[in-house]
Amino acid sequence: MPGVTVRTNIKEVDLRDDFEEKIAEKASEVLKTPLELIYISVSPGNRMLNNGRKTPMIFVDISAIFKENVYDDFNKIFIPFFASLLDLPLNRVVIKYINVCPTDFGMVREAPEFKHAEFYSSLKQ
């Protein structure tokens, strides 16, 4: 099941009422997955992200089965989308893609920068 996890230091009262709905619609469109199958998790007002910073920012994890390297193409869509949704500069949006790989042992989460990716690649075969 594809998922989008959002962490931001913006307080919940400052988010749009349809914030999660807009994220789900965009993720469904880009990931080509039915809206009902998209998992959305939003953590607003995240104190750990404040860390003395006053400027708003957003961190987004997008989990799905990516058959090829689509991260650059998706960045061109998702970064401006989240920036406009929260009225942020583009450099305040950080996105990480997590490839969820089906194996005989269940689903394995594999981030592109994960150090042991070759181990998990062997599990997929």
N, C-alpha and C. Protein backbone atom coordinates (compact mmCIF):
# COMPACT_ATOMS: atom_id res chain seq x y z
N MET A 1 0.85 -1.17 0.00
CA MET A 1 0.00 0.00 0.00
C MET A 1 0.90 1.24 0.00
N PRO A 2 0.79 2.09 -1.01
CA PRO A 2 1.58 3.32 -1.03
C PRO A 2 1.20 4.22 0.14
N GLY A 3 2.18 4.95 0.62
CA GLY A 3 1.91 5.83 1.75
C GLY A 3 2.69 7.12 1.67
N VAL A 4 2.14 8.14 2.31
CA VAL A 4 2.79 9.44 2.39
C VAL A 4 2.79 9.84 3.86
N THR A 5 4.00 10.04 4.41
CA THR A 5 4.15 10.48 5.79
C THR A 5 4.69 11.90 5.76
N VAL A 6 3.98 12.81 6.43
CA VAL A 6 4.35 14.22 6.42
C VAL A 6 4.67 14.65 7.85
N ARG A 7 5.84 15.26 8.01
CA ARG A 7 6.21 15.86 9.29
C ARG A 7 6.52 17.34 9.03
N THR A 8 5.93 18.20 9.83
CA THR A 8 6.14 19.63 9.63
C THR A 8 6.14 20.33 10.98
N ASN A 9 6.82 21.47 11.04
CA ASN A 9 6.77 22.27 12.26
C ASN A 9 5.63 23.28 12.22
N ILE A 10 4.84 23.25 11.18
CA ILE A 10 3.66 24.10 11.09
C ILE A 10 2.56 23.52 11.97
N LYS A 11 1.94 24.35 12.76
CA LYS A 11 0.90 23.87 13.68
C LYS A 11 -0.34 23.45 12.92
N GLU A 12 -1.08 22.52 13.51
CA GLU A 12 -2.28 21.97 12.87
C GLU A 12 -3.29 23.06 12.53
N VAL A 13 -3.45 24.04 13.41
CA VAL A 13 -4.43 25.10 13.15
C VAL A 13 -4.05 25.96 11.94
N ASP A 14 -2.77 25.93 11.56
CA ASP A 14 -2.31 26.72 10.41
C ASP A 14 -2.36 25.94 9.09
N LEU A 15 -2.74 24.65 9.16
CA LEU A 15 -2.87 23.85 7.94
C LEU A 15 -4.26 24.02 7.35
N ARG A 16 -4.36 23.87 6.06
CA ARG A 16 -5.66 23.93 5.40
C ARG A 16 -6.55 22.81 5.92
N ASP A 17 -7.85 23.02 5.89
CA ASP A 17 -8.80 21.99 6.34
C ASP A 17 -8.73 20.74 5.46
N ASP A 18 -8.43 20.92 4.17
CA ASP A 18 -8.39 19.79 3.24
C ASP A 18 -6.95 19.32 2.96
N PHE A 19 -6.04 19.57 3.89
CA PHE A 19 -4.62 19.27 3.71
C PHE A 19 -4.39 17.80 3.36
N GLU A 20 -4.89 16.88 4.18
CA GLU A 20 -4.69 15.45 3.94
C GLU A 20 -5.38 15.00 2.65
N GLU A 21 -6.55 15.55 2.39
CA GLU A 21 -7.30 15.19 1.17
C GLU A 21 -6.53 15.58 -0.09
N LYS A 22 -5.95 16.78 -0.09
CA LYS A 22 -5.16 17.25 -1.25
C LYS A 22 -3.92 16.37 -1.46
N ILE A 23 -3.27 15.98 -0.37
CA ILE A 23 -2.10 15.11 -0.47
C ILE A 23 -2.50 13.76 -1.06
N ALA A 24 -3.59 13.19 -0.57
CA ALA A 24 -4.06 11.90 -1.06
C ALA A 24 -4.40 11.96 -2.54
N GLU A 25 -5.07 13.03 -2.97
CA GLU A 25 -5.43 13.17 -4.38
C GLU A 25 -4.19 13.24 -5.26
N LYS A 26 -3.19 14.05 -4.86
CA LYS A 26 -1.97 14.19 -5.66
C LYS A 26 -1.18 12.88 -5.68
N ALA A 27 -1.07 12.21 -4.53
CA ALA A 27 -0.34 10.94 -4.48
C ALA A 27 -1.03 9.89 -5.34
N SER A 28 -2.35 9.86 -5.31
CA SER A 28 -3.11 8.90 -6.12
C SER A 28 -2.85 9.15 -7.61
N GLU A 29 -2.86 10.41 -7.99
CA GLU A 29 -2.65 10.78 -9.39
C GLU A 29 -1.23 10.42 -9.85
N VAL A 30 -0.22 10.76 -9.07
CA VAL A 30 1.17 10.56 -9.48
C VAL A 30 1.58 9.09 -9.38
N LEU A 31 1.17 8.42 -8.31
CA LEU A 31 1.56 7.02 -8.11
C LEU A 31 0.65 6.05 -8.85
N LYS A 32 -0.38 6.60 -9.49
CA LYS A 32 -1.33 5.79 -10.26
C LYS A 32 -1.92 4.65 -9.41
N THR A 33 -2.44 5.06 -8.25
CA THR A 33 -3.02 4.14 -7.28
C THR A 33 -4.39 4.68 -6.89
N PRO A 34 -5.39 3.80 -6.73
CA PRO A 34 -6.70 4.28 -6.29
C PRO A 34 -6.61 5.04 -4.96
N LEU A 35 -7.38 6.09 -4.87
CA LEU A 35 -7.37 6.97 -3.70
C LEU A 35 -7.57 6.20 -2.40
N GLU A 36 -8.43 5.19 -2.44
CA GLU A 36 -8.74 4.43 -1.22
C GLU A 36 -7.55 3.64 -0.71
N LEU A 37 -6.55 3.41 -1.55
CA LEU A 37 -5.40 2.59 -1.16
C LEU A 37 -4.18 3.40 -0.73
N ILE A 38 -4.31 4.72 -0.69
CA ILE A 38 -3.20 5.58 -0.28
C ILE A 38 -3.27 5.80 1.23
N TYR A 39 -2.16 5.53 1.91
CA TYR A 39 -2.07 5.76 3.36
C TYR A 39 -1.45 7.13 3.59
N ILE A 40 -2.10 7.98 4.37
CA ILE A 40 -1.62 9.32 4.66
C ILE A 40 -1.43 9.47 6.16
N SER A 41 -0.27 9.97 6.57
CA SER A 41 0.00 10.24 7.97
C SER A 41 0.60 11.64 8.06
N VAL A 42 -0.02 12.52 8.86
CA VAL A 42 0.45 13.89 8.99
C VAL A 42 0.77 14.16 10.46
N SER A 43 1.96 14.68 10.70
CA SER A 43 2.39 15.03 12.06
C SER A 43 2.69 16.53 12.10
N PRO A 44 1.65 17.36 12.35
CA PRO A 44 1.86 18.81 12.36
C PRO A 44 2.44 19.27 13.70
N GLY A 45 3.01 20.46 13.70
CA GLY A 45 3.53 21.04 14.94
C GLY A 45 4.65 20.24 15.56
N ASN A 46 5.39 19.52 14.74
CA ASN A 46 6.46 18.64 15.22
C ASN A 46 7.55 19.47 15.89
N ARG A 47 7.67 19.33 17.21
CA ARG A 47 8.62 20.13 17.98
C ARG A 47 10.07 19.81 17.62
N MET A 48 10.34 18.57 17.23
CA MET A 48 11.71 18.19 16.89
C MET A 48 12.21 18.97 15.68
N LEU A 49 11.31 19.33 14.79
CA LEU A 49 11.71 20.07 13.58
C LEU A 49 11.97 21.54 13.86
N ASN A 50 11.40 22.06 14.95
CA ASN A 50 11.62 23.47 15.27
C ASN A 50 13.09 23.73 15.55
N ASN A 51 13.64 23.03 16.51
CA ASN A 51 15.08 23.07 16.79
C ASN A 51 15.64 24.49 16.70
N GLY A 52 14.90 25.45 17.24
CA GLY A 52 15.33 26.84 17.22
C GLY A 52 15.05 27.57 15.92
N ARG A 53 14.46 26.88 14.92
CA ARG A 53 14.17 27.52 13.63
C ARG A 53 12.77 28.12 13.66
N LYS A 54 12.67 29.30 13.13
CA LYS A 54 11.35 29.94 13.04
C LYS A 54 10.70 29.70 11.68
N THR A 55 11.51 29.38 10.66
CA THR A 55 10.95 29.21 9.32
C THR A 55 10.23 27.87 9.20
N PRO A 56 9.06 27.87 8.59
CA PRO A 56 8.32 26.61 8.41
C PRO A 56 9.01 25.71 7.40
N MET A 57 8.89 24.42 7.63
CA MET A 57 9.43 23.45 6.70
C MET A 57 8.60 22.18 6.75
N ILE A 58 8.81 21.31 5.75
CA ILE A 58 8.04 20.07 5.68
C ILE A 58 8.96 18.96 5.19
N PHE A 59 8.85 17.80 5.86
CA PHE A 59 9.57 16.60 5.46
C PHE A 59 8.53 15.57 5.04
N VAL A 60 8.73 14.98 3.88
CA VAL A 60 7.75 14.04 3.33
C VAL A 60 8.46 12.73 2.97
N ASP A 61 7.91 11.61 3.45
CA ASP A 61 8.37 10.28 3.04
C ASP A 61 7.29 9.68 2.15
N ILE A 62 7.68 9.26 0.96
CA ILE A 62 6.73 8.63 0.04
C ILE A 62 7.16 7.19 -0.15
N SER A 63 6.30 6.26 0.27
CA SER A 63 6.60 4.83 0.19
C SER A 63 5.74 4.20 -0.89
N ALA A 64 6.37 3.43 -1.76
CA ALA A 64 5.64 2.72 -2.82
C ALA A 64 6.60 1.72 -3.45
N ILE A 65 6.08 0.91 -4.35
CA ILE A 65 6.93 0.03 -5.13
C ILE A 65 7.32 0.80 -6.39
N PHE A 66 8.58 1.21 -6.45
CA PHE A 66 9.09 1.94 -7.60
C PHE A 66 9.85 0.96 -8.47
N LYS A 67 9.38 0.72 -9.67
CA LYS A 67 10.01 -0.24 -10.57
C LYS A 67 11.27 0.31 -11.23
N GLU A 68 11.41 1.63 -11.23
CA GLU A 68 12.58 2.26 -11.82
C GLU A 68 12.86 3.55 -11.08
N ASN A 69 13.97 4.18 -11.39
CA ASN A 69 14.35 5.41 -10.71
C ASN A 69 13.50 6.57 -11.23
N VAL A 70 12.48 6.92 -10.50
CA VAL A 70 11.56 7.99 -10.90
C VAL A 70 11.66 9.21 -9.99
N TYR A 71 12.66 9.20 -9.10
CA TYR A 71 12.72 10.22 -8.07
C TYR A 71 12.85 11.62 -8.63
N ASP A 72 13.66 11.83 -9.65
CA ASP A 72 13.82 13.17 -10.23
C ASP A 72 12.51 13.65 -10.85
N ASP A 73 11.84 12.75 -11.57
CA ASP A 73 10.55 13.12 -12.18
C ASP A 73 9.52 13.45 -11.10
N PHE A 74 9.49 12.66 -10.03
CA PHE A 74 8.52 12.89 -8.96
C PHE A 74 8.85 14.18 -8.20
N ASN A 75 10.15 14.49 -8.04
CA ASN A 75 10.51 15.74 -7.35
C ASN A 75 9.96 16.95 -8.09
N LYS A 76 9.95 16.89 -9.42
CA LYS A 76 9.44 18.01 -10.22
C LYS A 76 7.94 18.21 -10.00
N ILE A 77 7.26 17.18 -9.52
CA ILE A 77 5.83 17.27 -9.25
C ILE A 77 5.57 17.57 -7.79
N PHE A 78 6.17 16.76 -6.90
CA PHE A 78 5.83 16.84 -5.48
C PHE A 78 6.39 18.07 -4.77
N ILE A 79 7.62 18.50 -5.08
CA ILE A 79 8.19 19.64 -4.36
C ILE A 79 7.37 20.91 -4.62
N PRO A 80 7.07 21.27 -5.87
CA PRO A 80 6.22 22.46 -6.07
C PRO A 80 4.81 22.29 -5.48
N PHE A 81 4.29 21.05 -5.51
CA PHE A 81 2.97 20.80 -4.94
C PHE A 81 2.94 21.12 -3.45
N PHE A 82 3.88 20.54 -2.68
CA PHE A 82 3.89 20.78 -1.24
C PHE A 82 4.24 22.23 -0.92
N ALA A 83 5.13 22.83 -1.70
CA ALA A 83 5.49 24.24 -1.48
C ALA A 83 4.27 25.14 -1.67
N SER A 84 3.49 24.89 -2.72
CA SER A 84 2.31 25.74 -2.96
C SER A 84 1.19 25.44 -1.96
N LEU A 85 1.09 24.18 -1.54
CA LEU A 85 0.05 23.79 -0.58
C LEU A 85 0.24 24.51 0.75
N LEU A 86 1.50 24.74 1.14
CA LEU A 86 1.80 25.38 2.43
C LEU A 86 2.38 26.77 2.27
N ASP A 87 2.43 27.28 1.04
CA ASP A 87 2.98 28.60 0.76
C ASP A 87 4.41 28.72 1.30
N LEU A 88 5.25 27.74 0.90
CA LEU A 88 6.65 27.68 1.33
C LEU A 88 7.57 27.87 0.13
N PRO A 89 8.80 28.35 0.38
CA PRO A 89 9.79 28.32 -0.71
C PRO A 89 10.15 26.86 -1.03
N LEU A 90 10.57 26.60 -2.24
CA LEU A 90 10.89 25.23 -2.66
C LEU A 90 11.96 24.58 -1.78
N ASN A 91 12.92 25.38 -1.30
CA ASN A 91 14.00 24.79 -0.51
C ASN A 91 13.59 24.42 0.92
N ARG A 92 12.34 24.63 1.27
CA ARG A 92 11.84 24.25 2.60
C ARG A 92 11.07 22.93 2.55
N VAL A 93 11.09 22.27 1.39
CA VAL A 93 10.41 20.98 1.20
C VAL A 93 11.47 19.90 1.00
N VAL A 94 11.46 18.88 1.86
CA VAL A 94 12.41 17.78 1.76
C VAL A 94 11.61 16.50 1.55
N ILE A 95 11.93 15.78 0.47
CA ILE A 95 11.19 14.55 0.15
C ILE A 95 12.16 13.38 0.09
N LYS A 96 11.76 12.26 0.71
CA LYS A 96 12.53 11.02 0.64
C LYS A 96 11.61 9.94 0.10
N TYR A 97 12.12 9.18 -0.87
CA TYR A 97 11.35 8.09 -1.47
C TYR A 97 11.83 6.78 -0.87
N ILE A 98 10.89 5.96 -0.47
CA ILE A 98 11.21 4.67 0.14
C ILE A 98 10.60 3.58 -0.73
N ASN A 99 11.46 2.77 -1.30
CA ASN A 99 10.99 1.68 -2.15
C ASN A 99 10.57 0.51 -1.27
N VAL A 100 9.33 0.11 -1.38
CA VAL A 100 8.81 -1.01 -0.61
C VAL A 100 8.86 -2.22 -1.52
N CYS A 101 9.73 -3.14 -1.19
CA CYS A 101 10.00 -4.28 -2.06
C CYS A 101 9.31 -5.54 -1.57
N PRO A 102 8.51 -6.18 -2.40
CA PRO A 102 7.91 -7.46 -1.98
C PRO A 102 8.96 -8.57 -2.02
N THR A 103 9.01 -9.38 -0.97
CA THR A 103 9.93 -10.52 -0.91
C THR A 103 9.16 -11.72 -0.39
N ASP A 104 9.82 -12.85 -0.33
CA ASP A 104 9.20 -14.04 0.25
C ASP A 104 8.97 -13.87 1.74
N PHE A 105 9.69 -12.93 2.35
CA PHE A 105 9.61 -12.71 3.79
C PHE A 105 8.63 -11.60 4.15
N GLY A 106 7.93 -11.05 3.18
CA GLY A 106 7.03 -9.93 3.41
C GLY A 106 7.56 -8.69 2.71
N MET A 107 7.09 -7.54 3.13
CA MET A 107 7.51 -6.28 2.51
C MET A 107 8.75 -5.75 3.22
N VAL A 108 9.73 -5.29 2.45
CA VAL A 108 10.96 -4.73 2.99
C VAL A 108 11.05 -3.29 2.52
N ARG A 109 11.25 -2.39 3.47
CA ARG A 109 11.41 -0.98 3.11
C ARG A 109 12.87 -0.74 2.76
N GLU A 110 13.09 -0.11 1.63
CA GLU A 110 14.45 0.10 1.14
C GLU A 110 14.57 1.53 0.64
N ALA A 111 15.23 2.39 1.42
CA ALA A 111 15.46 3.76 0.98
C ALA A 111 16.62 3.76 -0.02
N PRO A 112 16.61 4.65 -1.01
CA PRO A 112 17.68 4.67 -2.01
C PRO A 112 19.06 4.79 -1.40
N GLU A 113 19.20 5.52 -0.29
CA GLU A 113 20.51 5.73 0.31
C GLU A 113 20.83 4.66 1.36
N PHE A 114 19.98 3.65 1.47
CA PHE A 114 20.17 2.60 2.45
C PHE A 114 21.47 1.85 2.18
N LYS A 115 22.32 1.70 3.19
CA LYS A 115 23.65 1.15 2.99
C LYS A 115 23.65 -0.32 2.59
N HIS A 116 22.66 -1.06 3.00
CA HIS A 116 22.65 -2.49 2.74
C HIS A 116 21.67 -2.86 1.63
N ALA A 117 21.53 -1.98 0.66
CA ALA A 117 20.57 -2.22 -0.43
C ALA A 117 20.90 -3.49 -1.20
N GLU A 118 22.19 -3.81 -1.34
CA GLU A 118 22.55 -5.02 -2.09
C GLU A 118 22.06 -6.27 -1.36
N PHE A 119 22.02 -6.24 -0.02
CA PHE A 119 21.49 -7.38 0.74
C PHE A 119 20.00 -7.56 0.44
N TYR A 120 19.25 -6.46 0.48
CA TYR A 120 17.82 -6.55 0.21
C TYR A 120 17.54 -6.89 -1.25
N SER A 121 18.42 -6.45 -2.14
CA SER A 121 18.25 -6.81 -3.55
C SER A 121 18.36 -8.31 -3.72
N SER A 122 19.24 -8.94 -2.96
CA SER A 122 19.36 -10.40 -3.05
C SER A 122 18.12 -11.10 -2.51
N LEU A 123 17.43 -10.49 -1.54
CA LEU A 123 16.19 -11.07 -1.01
C LEU A 123 15.08 -11.05 -2.05
N LYS A 124 15.07 -10.04 -2.91
CA LYS A 124 14.01 -9.89 -3.91
C LYS A 124 14.06 -10.99 -4.96
N GLN A 125 15.22 -11.61 -5.15
CA GLN A 125 15.37 -12.60 -6.22
C GLN A 125 14.93 -13.99 -5.79
